[in-house]
């Protein structure tokens, strides 16, 4: 059976695969445009996107805005007909400003997590951009939907359900993740689909639900589509691609990782995350890491209390300085064994999914 397209109102992706946003600097215009050219939805991560700008150290706010604008323009040049979006964390200090830059550049979709995206409709009012909150439970989907309905008289265009096997920041308690007690992704997806039905009816629109977290094969994609998901969001698989914007050393960290290397860690953002337990993380756990400079990236981060600077740790990782960096990974990162092109990866995933549908 052929994979169905992902329809978000009038916006249609031929292949129902969203490439997950990965920061700092892991998914920029190169990766996003390559995925979009293969029929999926390519996502640029906004997290400290200006880290390569000359004035990043002195004026990170302007550097990030400039870099985001440039990356969206580049992605459009590389994929003029593809679907391009951004991923932005609610927890970021410059959330509204960066969201506005993306809207001004005509971004197709904004995917927003690491907190409840309650103010997104207000920021995006008057623009045609599709809005997609990330949730980790039916309760969160209901809270956001009720708030958007009451305050902005609208409903989400798409909902991304991120389960406990995802990489990076996770919307579950540390205890539930460590003890493997977090709810299964398939169950959360089913509950979210039911939870948003009243809002689909009220606004006379289909709200596609996309599943994320630990999805690795085409068979995984088929399983989720069979239970009602409109598509999937995948990140880990796209790191080990030619077009991924990270350094070769960063990609090799995935390829060289073993299952036992992947741990749940505490992030300065205040959320648990999944990462490779490398030399840097072991050092942080034992001694902490003094914060010499604050980039004012996260709203609730106190540099006097935080165990390490997440901006600095992620920048070092993407540049390939792995012993000084934080390497976020999904639960299946240890399965990655080679670097391929995005075209090869997308073809493999689609073929596997269609065999299993």
Protein backbone atom coordinates (compact mmCIF):
# COMPACT_ATOMS: atom_id res chain seq x y z
CA UNK A 1 0.00 0.00 0.00
CA UNK A 2 1.26 3.48 -0.86
CA UNK A 3 2.16 5.88 1.96
CA UNK A 4 -0.46 8.63 2.23
CA UNK A 5 0.67 12.25 1.91
CA UNK A 6 0.69 14.46 4.98
CA UNK A 7 -2.05 17.05 4.52
CA UNK A 8 -2.00 20.11 6.77
CA UNK A 9 -4.88 22.10 5.37
CA UNK A 10 -3.82 23.17 1.88
CA UNK A 11 -0.17 22.41 2.71
CA UNK A 12 0.74 18.94 1.43
CA UNK A 13 3.92 16.92 1.89
CA UNK A 14 4.09 13.99 -0.53
CA UNK A 15 5.88 11.84 2.07
CA UNK A 16 4.48 11.90 5.65
CA UNK A 17 7.88 12.29 7.29
CA UNK A 18 8.91 15.41 9.20
CA UNK A 19 12.63 15.69 9.91
CA UNK A 20 12.89 16.70 13.54
CA UNK A 21 14.56 19.97 14.49
CA UNK A 22 17.98 19.47 16.08
CA UNK A 23 20.01 22.22 17.67
CA UNK A 24 22.46 23.72 18.03
CA UNK A 25 23.24 23.76 14.31
CA UNK A 26 22.52 20.10 13.53
CA UNK A 27 19.51 20.74 11.30
CA UNK A 28 19.90 23.91 9.25
CA UNK A 29 19.22 24.73 5.59
CA UNK A 30 21.30 21.88 4.11
CA UNK A 31 19.44 19.07 5.88
CA UNK A 32 16.02 20.73 5.82
CA UNK A 33 16.13 21.45 2.08
CA UNK A 34 17.35 17.92 1.27
CA UNK A 35 14.42 16.38 3.15
CA UNK A 36 11.97 18.81 1.54
CA UNK A 37 13.31 17.92 -1.92
CA UNK A 38 12.47 14.26 -1.22
CA UNK A 39 8.86 15.10 -0.42
CA UNK A 40 9.10 15.29 3.37
CA UNK A 41 9.02 18.34 5.62
CA UNK A 42 12.45 19.80 6.38
CA UNK A 43 12.91 21.56 9.71
CA UNK A 44 15.47 24.20 10.68
CA UNK A 45 16.26 24.34 14.41
CA UNK A 46 16.26 27.90 15.76
CA UNK A 47 18.20 27.02 18.92
CA UNK A 48 21.20 29.38 19.05
CA UNK A 49 21.21 29.29 15.26
CA UNK A 50 23.57 32.26 15.08
CA UNK A 51 26.46 30.49 16.80
CA UNK A 52 28.68 30.89 13.71
CA UNK A 53 28.02 34.63 13.39
CA UNK A 54 30.98 36.90 14.29
CA UNK A 55 28.96 38.86 16.86
CA UNK A 56 27.33 35.85 18.54
CA UNK A 57 29.44 36.26 21.68
CA UNK A 58 28.57 39.93 22.08
CA UNK A 59 25.05 40.12 20.62
CA UNK A 60 23.52 36.65 20.42
CA UNK A 61 19.99 38.02 19.98
CA UNK A 62 20.75 39.83 16.72
CA UNK A 63 23.10 37.07 15.52
CA UNK A 64 20.31 34.49 15.94
CA UNK A 65 17.74 36.60 14.12
CA UNK A 66 20.10 37.28 11.22
CA UNK A 67 21.19 33.64 10.95
CA UNK A 68 17.63 32.33 11.03
CA UNK A 69 16.59 34.66 8.24
CA UNK A 70 19.61 33.60 6.16
CA UNK A 71 19.03 29.87 6.76
CA UNK A 72 15.38 30.12 5.69
CA UNK A 73 16.40 32.01 2.54
CA UNK A 74 19.07 29.37 1.78
CA UNK A 75 16.63 26.52 2.33
CA UNK A 76 14.14 28.15 -0.04
CA UNK A 77 16.84 28.55 -2.69
CA UNK A 78 17.83 24.89 -2.35
CA UNK A 79 14.24 23.63 -2.23
CA UNK A 80 11.96 26.17 -3.93
CA UNK A 81 8.98 23.80 -4.05
CA UNK A 82 9.57 21.90 -0.80
CA UNK A 83 7.89 22.29 2.58
CA UNK A 84 10.21 24.04 5.05
CA UNK A 85 9.54 24.69 8.73
CA UNK A 86 11.25 25.70 11.94
CA UNK A 87 11.40 24.14 15.38
CA UNK A 88 11.46 26.62 18.25
CA UNK A 89 11.51 26.05 22.00
CA UNK A 90 8.95 27.88 24.11
CA UNK A 91 11.62 28.04 26.83
CA UNK A 92 13.85 30.33 24.75
CA UNK A 93 14.22 33.97 25.77
CA UNK A 94 13.88 35.22 22.19
CA UNK A 95 10.89 33.01 21.33
CA UNK A 96 8.64 35.76 19.99
CA UNK A 97 11.37 37.56 18.05
CA UNK A 98 12.63 34.45 16.26
CA UNK A 99 9.09 33.27 15.55
CA UNK A 100 8.37 36.66 13.97
CA UNK A 101 11.47 36.42 11.75
CA UNK A 102 10.30 33.03 10.46
CA UNK A 103 6.80 34.36 9.83
CA UNK A 104 8.17 37.34 7.92
CA UNK A 105 10.17 34.95 5.73
CA UNK A 106 7.02 32.98 4.89
CA UNK A 107 7.98 29.77 6.68
CA UNK A 108 5.50 26.98 5.95
CA UNK A 109 5.15 25.57 9.46
CA UNK A 110 6.26 26.34 13.01
CA UNK A 111 6.72 23.38 15.35
CA UNK A 112 7.02 24.45 18.97
CA UNK A 113 7.81 22.48 22.14
CA UNK A 114 9.91 22.53 25.34
CA UNK A 115 6.95 24.12 27.07
CA UNK A 116 3.33 24.77 26.13
CA UNK A 117 3.04 26.98 23.04
CA UNK A 118 0.13 28.98 24.45
CA UNK A 119 1.01 32.33 22.81
CA UNK A 120 1.89 31.05 19.34
CA UNK A 121 -1.45 31.95 17.66
CA UNK A 122 -1.23 35.53 18.94
CA UNK A 123 2.31 35.94 17.54
CA UNK A 124 1.34 34.37 14.20
CA UNK A 125 -1.97 36.21 13.73
CA UNK A 126 -2.38 37.42 10.17
CA UNK A 127 0.11 34.95 8.68
CA UNK A 128 -0.69 31.80 6.68
CA UNK A 129 2.02 29.72 8.42
CA UNK A 130 0.78 26.45 9.91
CA UNK A 131 1.12 26.10 13.69
CA UNK A 132 2.06 22.81 15.35
CA UNK A 133 2.55 22.43 19.11
CA UNK A 134 4.55 19.50 20.47
CA UNK A 135 2.88 17.56 23.30
CA UNK A 136 3.75 14.49 25.33
CA UNK A 137 0.24 13.69 26.58
CA UNK A 138 -3.43 14.01 25.72
CA UNK A 139 -3.73 16.33 28.73
CA UNK A 140 -1.22 18.77 27.23
CA UNK A 141 -2.98 18.60 23.85
CA UNK A 142 -6.27 19.44 25.56
CA UNK A 143 -4.80 22.33 27.59
CA UNK A 144 -3.27 23.92 24.48
CA UNK A 145 -6.39 23.35 22.39
CA UNK A 146 -8.68 24.87 25.02
CA UNK A 147 -6.41 27.89 25.43
CA UNK A 148 -6.10 28.50 21.68
CA UNK A 149 -9.88 28.14 21.36
CA UNK A 150 -10.67 30.52 24.22
CA UNK A 151 -8.04 33.19 23.62
CA UNK A 152 -7.54 33.08 19.85
CA UNK A 153 -10.61 31.32 18.44
CA UNK A 154 -8.50 28.81 16.53
CA UNK A 155 -7.20 25.25 16.64
CA UNK A 156 -3.79 23.76 15.89
CA UNK A 157 -3.03 22.92 12.26
CA UNK A 158 -1.03 19.85 13.30
CA UNK A 159 0.00 18.27 16.60
CA UNK A 160 3.32 16.50 17.13
CA UNK A 161 3.17 13.84 19.85
CA UNK A 162 6.65 13.24 21.25
CA UNK A 163 7.03 10.01 23.19
CA UNK A 164 9.59 8.95 25.82
CA UNK A 165 12.10 7.48 23.33
CA UNK A 166 12.94 10.83 21.71
CA UNK A 167 16.29 12.60 21.82
CA UNK A 168 16.98 15.97 23.39
CA UNK A 169 14.56 17.46 25.90
CA UNK A 170 11.68 15.24 27.00
CA UNK A 171 8.28 16.10 28.40
CA UNK A 172 8.27 13.35 31.01
CA UNK A 173 9.51 13.11 34.59
CA UNK A 174 13.07 11.98 35.19
CA UNK A 175 11.80 9.13 37.36
CA UNK A 176 9.38 7.75 34.74
CA UNK A 177 12.10 7.80 32.07
CA UNK A 178 14.80 6.16 34.18
CA UNK A 179 12.41 3.46 35.43
CA UNK A 180 10.82 2.98 31.98
CA UNK A 181 7.39 3.84 33.37
CA UNK A 182 6.52 6.54 30.84
CA UNK A 183 3.47 5.91 28.69
CA UNK A 184 4.04 4.21 25.33
CA UNK A 185 4.02 6.42 22.23
CA UNK A 186 1.27 4.43 20.47
CA UNK A 187 -1.06 4.85 23.45
CA UNK A 188 -0.37 8.59 23.72
CA UNK A 189 -1.04 9.04 19.98
CA UNK A 190 -4.40 7.26 20.25
CA UNK A 191 -5.40 9.39 23.25
CA UNK A 192 -4.38 12.65 21.55
CA UNK A 193 -6.38 11.75 18.43
CA UNK A 194 -9.46 11.33 20.64
CA UNK A 195 -8.74 14.44 22.73
CA UNK A 196 -8.66 16.82 19.77
CA UNK A 197 -11.86 15.57 18.07
CA UNK A 198 -14.07 18.26 19.69
CA UNK A 199 -11.78 20.97 18.28
CA UNK A 200 -11.76 19.38 14.82
CA UNK A 201 -15.56 19.45 14.90
CA UNK A 202 -15.81 23.01 16.21
CA UNK A 203 -13.41 24.42 13.60
CA UNK A 204 -14.46 22.04 10.82
CA UNK A 205 -10.89 21.02 10.06
CA UNK A 206 -8.76 17.90 10.21
CA UNK A 207 -5.93 18.22 12.74
CA UNK A 208 -3.30 15.66 11.74
CA UNK A 209 -1.43 13.99 14.60
CA UNK A 210 2.22 13.18 13.93
CA UNK A 211 4.13 10.71 16.11
CA UNK A 212 7.73 11.30 17.25
CA UNK A 213 10.32 9.62 19.44
CA UNK A 214 12.19 6.39 18.80
CA UNK A 215 10.83 5.88 15.28
CA UNK A 216 13.61 4.20 13.30
CA UNK A 217 12.33 2.01 10.47
CA UNK A 218 9.69 2.08 7.78
CA UNK A 219 7.91 -0.65 9.73
CA UNK A 220 7.68 1.75 12.70
CA UNK A 221 6.13 4.35 10.39
CA UNK A 222 3.58 1.84 9.06
CA UNK A 223 2.61 0.77 12.59
CA UNK A 224 1.86 4.35 13.61
CA UNK A 225 -0.09 5.16 10.46
CA UNK A 226 -2.21 2.04 11.02
CA UNK A 227 -3.33 3.34 14.43
CA UNK A 228 -4.31 6.74 13.04
CA UNK A 229 -1.19 8.90 12.98
CA UNK A 230 -1.02 11.11 9.89
CA UNK A 231 2.76 10.82 9.75
CA UNK A 232 5.93 10.71 11.80
CA UNK A 233 8.70 13.03 12.92
CA UNK A 234 12.20 11.54 12.88
CA UNK A 235 15.50 13.12 13.91
CA UNK A 236 18.14 10.54 14.85
CA UNK A 237 18.16 8.85 11.43
CA UNK A 238 18.85 12.17 9.70
CA UNK A 239 22.03 12.94 11.68
CA UNK A 240 24.07 10.31 9.81
CA UNK A 241 23.38 11.80 6.40
CA UNK A 242 25.66 13.61 4.00
CA UNK A 243 23.48 16.70 4.14
CA UNK A 244 23.22 17.00 7.94
CA UNK A 245 24.69 20.34 9.00
CA UNK A 246 26.74 18.93 11.90
CA UNK A 247 30.45 18.05 11.75
CA UNK A 248 31.62 14.60 10.67
CA UNK A 249 32.84 13.97 14.23
CA UNK A 250 29.31 14.61 15.54
CA UNK A 251 27.85 12.15 13.03
CA UNK A 252 30.49 9.58 13.94
CA UNK A 253 29.52 9.89 17.61
CA UNK A 254 26.15 8.38 16.64
CA UNK A 255 27.75 5.66 14.55
CA UNK A 256 30.23 4.75 17.29
CA UNK A 257 27.72 4.83 20.14
CA UNK A 258 26.58 1.70 21.94
CA UNK A 259 23.22 1.15 23.59
CA UNK A 260 24.74 1.40 27.06
CA UNK A 261 26.21 4.83 26.20
CA UNK A 262 22.77 6.41 25.88
CA UNK A 263 21.51 7.88 29.14
CA UNK A 264 18.84 10.18 30.56
CA UNK A 265 20.57 13.37 31.73
CA UNK A 266 19.48 16.50 33.54
CA UNK A 267 19.52 19.60 31.35
CA UNK A 268 19.96 23.20 32.55
CA UNK A 269 16.62 23.86 30.83
CA UNK A 270 15.03 22.07 33.78
CA UNK A 271 13.90 19.07 31.75
CA UNK A 272 15.35 15.58 31.43
CA UNK A 273 17.04 14.80 28.13
CA UNK A 274 18.49 11.82 26.31
CA UNK A 275 22.15 12.06 25.39
CA UNK A 276 25.39 10.11 24.98
CA UNK A 277 27.07 9.72 28.35
CA UNK A 278 30.44 10.93 27.05
CA UNK A 279 33.48 12.37 28.83
CA UNK A 280 31.79 15.76 29.13
CA UNK A 281 28.62 14.44 30.76
CA UNK A 282 30.58 12.26 33.17
CA UNK A 283 32.68 15.26 34.17
CA UNK A 284 29.55 17.40 34.68
CA UNK A 285 27.97 14.71 36.86
CA UNK A 286 31.10 14.45 39.00
CA UNK A 287 32.27 18.05 39.24
CA UNK A 288 29.84 20.34 37.46
CA UNK A 289 31.09 22.82 34.87
CA UNK A 290 31.50 26.48 35.73
CA UNK A 291 29.55 28.87 33.50
CA UNK A 292 31.94 31.62 32.39
CA UNK A 293 29.54 33.38 30.02
CA UNK A 294 25.74 33.49 29.86
CA UNK A 295 24.11 33.70 26.43
CA UNK A 296 20.66 34.44 27.95
CA UNK A 297 19.17 31.62 25.88
CA UNK A 298 16.71 30.01 28.31
CA UNK A 299 14.11 31.89 30.35
CA UNK A 300 14.52 30.03 33.64
CA UNK A 301 18.26 29.34 33.55
CA UNK A 302 20.32 30.80 36.41
CA UNK A 303 24.05 30.71 35.50
CA UNK A 304 24.94 30.70 39.22
CA UNK A 305 22.97 27.49 39.78
CA UNK A 306 23.12 25.62 36.47
CA UNK A 307 25.43 22.56 36.27
CA UNK A 308 26.74 23.68 32.86
CA UNK A 309 26.01 26.04 29.97
CA UNK A 310 23.82 24.19 27.51
CA UNK A 311 24.57 26.65 24.70
CA UNK A 312 28.33 26.15 25.02
CA UNK A 313 27.95 22.36 25.38
CA UNK A 314 25.80 22.02 22.25
CA UNK A 315 28.04 24.33 20.19
CA UNK A 316 31.13 22.31 21.12
CA UNK A 317 29.32 19.09 20.15
CA UNK A 318 28.13 20.25 16.71
CA UNK A 319 31.63 21.54 15.94
CA UNK A 320 33.07 18.12 16.74
CA UNK A 321 34.74 18.94 20.09
CA UNK A 322 32.96 15.97 21.62
CA UNK A 323 34.87 15.80 24.90
CA UNK A 324 33.52 19.27 25.69
CA UNK A 325 30.06 18.80 24.21
CA UNK A 326 26.54 17.54 24.91
CA UNK A 327 25.38 15.05 22.26
CA UNK A 328 21.61 14.66 22.27
CA UNK A 329 20.38 11.37 20.72
CA UNK A 330 17.21 9.35 20.34
CA UNK A 331 16.92 5.95 22.04
CA UNK A 332 17.88 4.11 18.83
CA UNK A 333 21.03 6.09 18.01
CA UNK A 334 23.22 3.02 18.61
CA UNK A 335 21.57 1.32 15.62
CA UNK A 336 23.02 3.93 13.24
CA UNK A 337 25.96 2.30 11.44
CA UNK A 338 26.72 4.37 8.33
CA UNK A 339 26.37 7.75 6.69
CA UNK A 340 23.99 7.86 3.71
CA UNK A 341 22.38 10.55 1.59
CA UNK A 342 18.98 11.92 2.54
CA UNK A 343 17.67 10.55 -0.76
CA UNK A 344 18.82 7.03 0.14
CA UNK A 345 17.38 7.25 3.64
CA UNK A 346 14.00 8.58 2.51
CA UNK A 347 13.75 5.95 -0.24
CA UNK A 348 14.54 3.19 2.27
CA UNK A 349 11.99 4.43 4.81
CA UNK A 350 9.22 4.82 2.23
CA UNK A 351 9.86 1.38 0.70
CA UNK A 352 9.87 -0.33 4.13
CA UNK A 353 6.74 1.50 5.23
CA UNK A 354 4.81 0.61 2.07
CA UNK A 355 5.71 -3.08 2.41
CA UNK A 356 4.34 -3.05 5.98
CA UNK A 357 1.17 -1.05 5.38
